[in-house]
Amino acid sequence: MIFRLLSTPRRRVAAVLTVTAAVVAFGSWVLWPVYDSSCVVYSGSYIPMNAPKAEVDAAVQRRYDKALADGACGPKRARFHNWTR
């Protein structure tokens, strides 16, 4: 059955490209930097529900930077580092 799927050069190229794309996508997801899961940061101020996403993200980033400077949170790390702890 598998040999029929790879019987023509076009199918082999398509299979190789599909597997390569899957490996690249998974690799980039694994290496994407994420916050430490033990660090929960709130903005510490009232932000309305309809506030622009950029404003909310900026407030959270400021609080994260402050927590990072205070030593309460660790820096961003590659996602797979959290799997090995």
Protein backbone atom coordinates (compact mmCIF):
# COMPACT_ATOMS: atom_id res chain seq x y z
CA MET A 1 0.00 0.00 0.00
CA ILE A 2 2.75 2.47 0.92
CA PHE A 3 4.64 1.61 -2.26
CA ARG A 4 1.64 2.56 -4.41
CA LEU A 5 1.49 5.95 -2.70
CA LEU A 6 5.13 6.60 -3.57
CA SER A 7 5.10 4.97 -7.00
CA THR A 8 5.60 8.11 -9.11
CA PRO A 9 8.25 10.82 -8.74
CA ARG A 10 5.56 13.47 -8.31
CA ARG A 11 4.07 11.61 -5.35
CA ARG A 12 7.50 11.09 -3.80
CA VAL A 13 8.27 14.81 -4.07
CA ALA A 14 4.87 15.69 -2.59
CA ALA A 15 5.45 13.26 0.30
CA VAL A 16 8.94 14.62 1.00
CA LEU A 17 7.68 18.23 0.91
CA THR A 18 4.77 17.39 3.22
CA VAL A 19 7.03 15.67 5.76
CA THR A 20 9.56 18.52 5.55
CA ALA A 21 6.84 21.12 6.13
CA ALA A 22 5.53 19.16 9.13
CA VAL A 23 9.02 18.87 10.65
CA VAL A 24 9.73 22.59 10.14
CA ALA A 25 6.37 23.58 11.64
CA PHE A 26 6.85 21.34 14.68
CA GLY A 27 10.44 22.52 15.13
CA SER A 28 9.49 26.18 15.06
CA TRP A 29 6.66 25.54 17.54
CA VAL A 30 9.05 23.70 19.89
CA LEU A 31 11.69 26.45 19.74
CA TRP A 32 9.25 29.37 20.11
CA PRO A 33 10.08 31.24 23.35
CA VAL A 34 7.38 31.11 26.03
CA TYR A 35 7.01 32.44 29.56
CA ASP A 36 7.73 30.17 32.49
CA SER A 37 4.48 28.42 33.45
CA SER A 38 4.95 29.28 37.14
CA CYS A 39 4.92 33.02 36.39
CA VAL A 40 1.46 34.61 36.37
CA VAL A 41 1.44 38.35 35.67
CA TYR A 42 -1.50 40.72 35.95
CA SER A 43 -1.34 44.29 34.78
CA GLY A 44 -2.24 45.62 38.23
CA SER A 45 -4.51 48.29 36.83
CA TYR A 46 -8.02 48.53 35.48
CA ILE A 47 -8.18 47.81 31.78
CA PRO A 48 -11.62 47.90 30.14
CA MET A 49 -12.80 44.79 28.32
CA ASN A 50 -13.02 46.69 25.04
CA ALA A 51 -9.48 48.08 25.28
CA PRO A 52 -7.32 47.56 22.20
CA LYS A 53 -5.21 44.41 22.27
CA ALA A 54 -2.02 46.47 21.92
CA GLU A 55 -2.87 48.38 25.12
CA VAL A 56 -3.54 45.19 27.08
CA ASP A 57 -0.37 43.55 25.76
CA ALA A 58 1.70 46.62 26.64
CA ALA A 59 0.35 46.67 30.22
CA VAL A 60 1.07 42.97 30.71
CA GLN A 61 4.55 43.35 29.20
CA ARG A 62 5.35 46.22 31.60
CA ARG A 63 4.29 44.10 34.58
CA TYR A 64 6.26 41.11 33.28
CA ASP A 65 9.38 43.27 32.88
CA LYS A 66 8.93 44.50 36.45
CA ALA A 67 8.48 40.94 37.77
CA LEU A 68 11.54 39.85 35.80
CA ALA A 69 13.62 42.68 37.28
CA ASP A 70 12.39 41.81 40.79
CA GLY A 71 13.34 38.16 40.30
CA ALA A 72 9.76 36.90 40.62
CA CYS A 73 9.74 35.41 37.12
CA GLY A 74 12.30 33.78 34.90
CA PRO A 75 13.11 34.86 31.34
CA LYS A 76 11.41 33.42 28.28
CA ARG A 77 12.78 30.04 27.26
CA ALA A 78 12.26 27.65 24.38
CA ARG A 79 9.08 25.62 24.84
CA PHE A 80 10.87 22.26 25.07
CA HIS A 81 12.86 23.37 28.14
CA ASN A 82 9.61 23.22 30.14
CA TRP A 83 9.15 19.59 29.07
CA THR A 84 12.42 18.46 30.60
CA ARG A 85 11.94 19.95 34.05
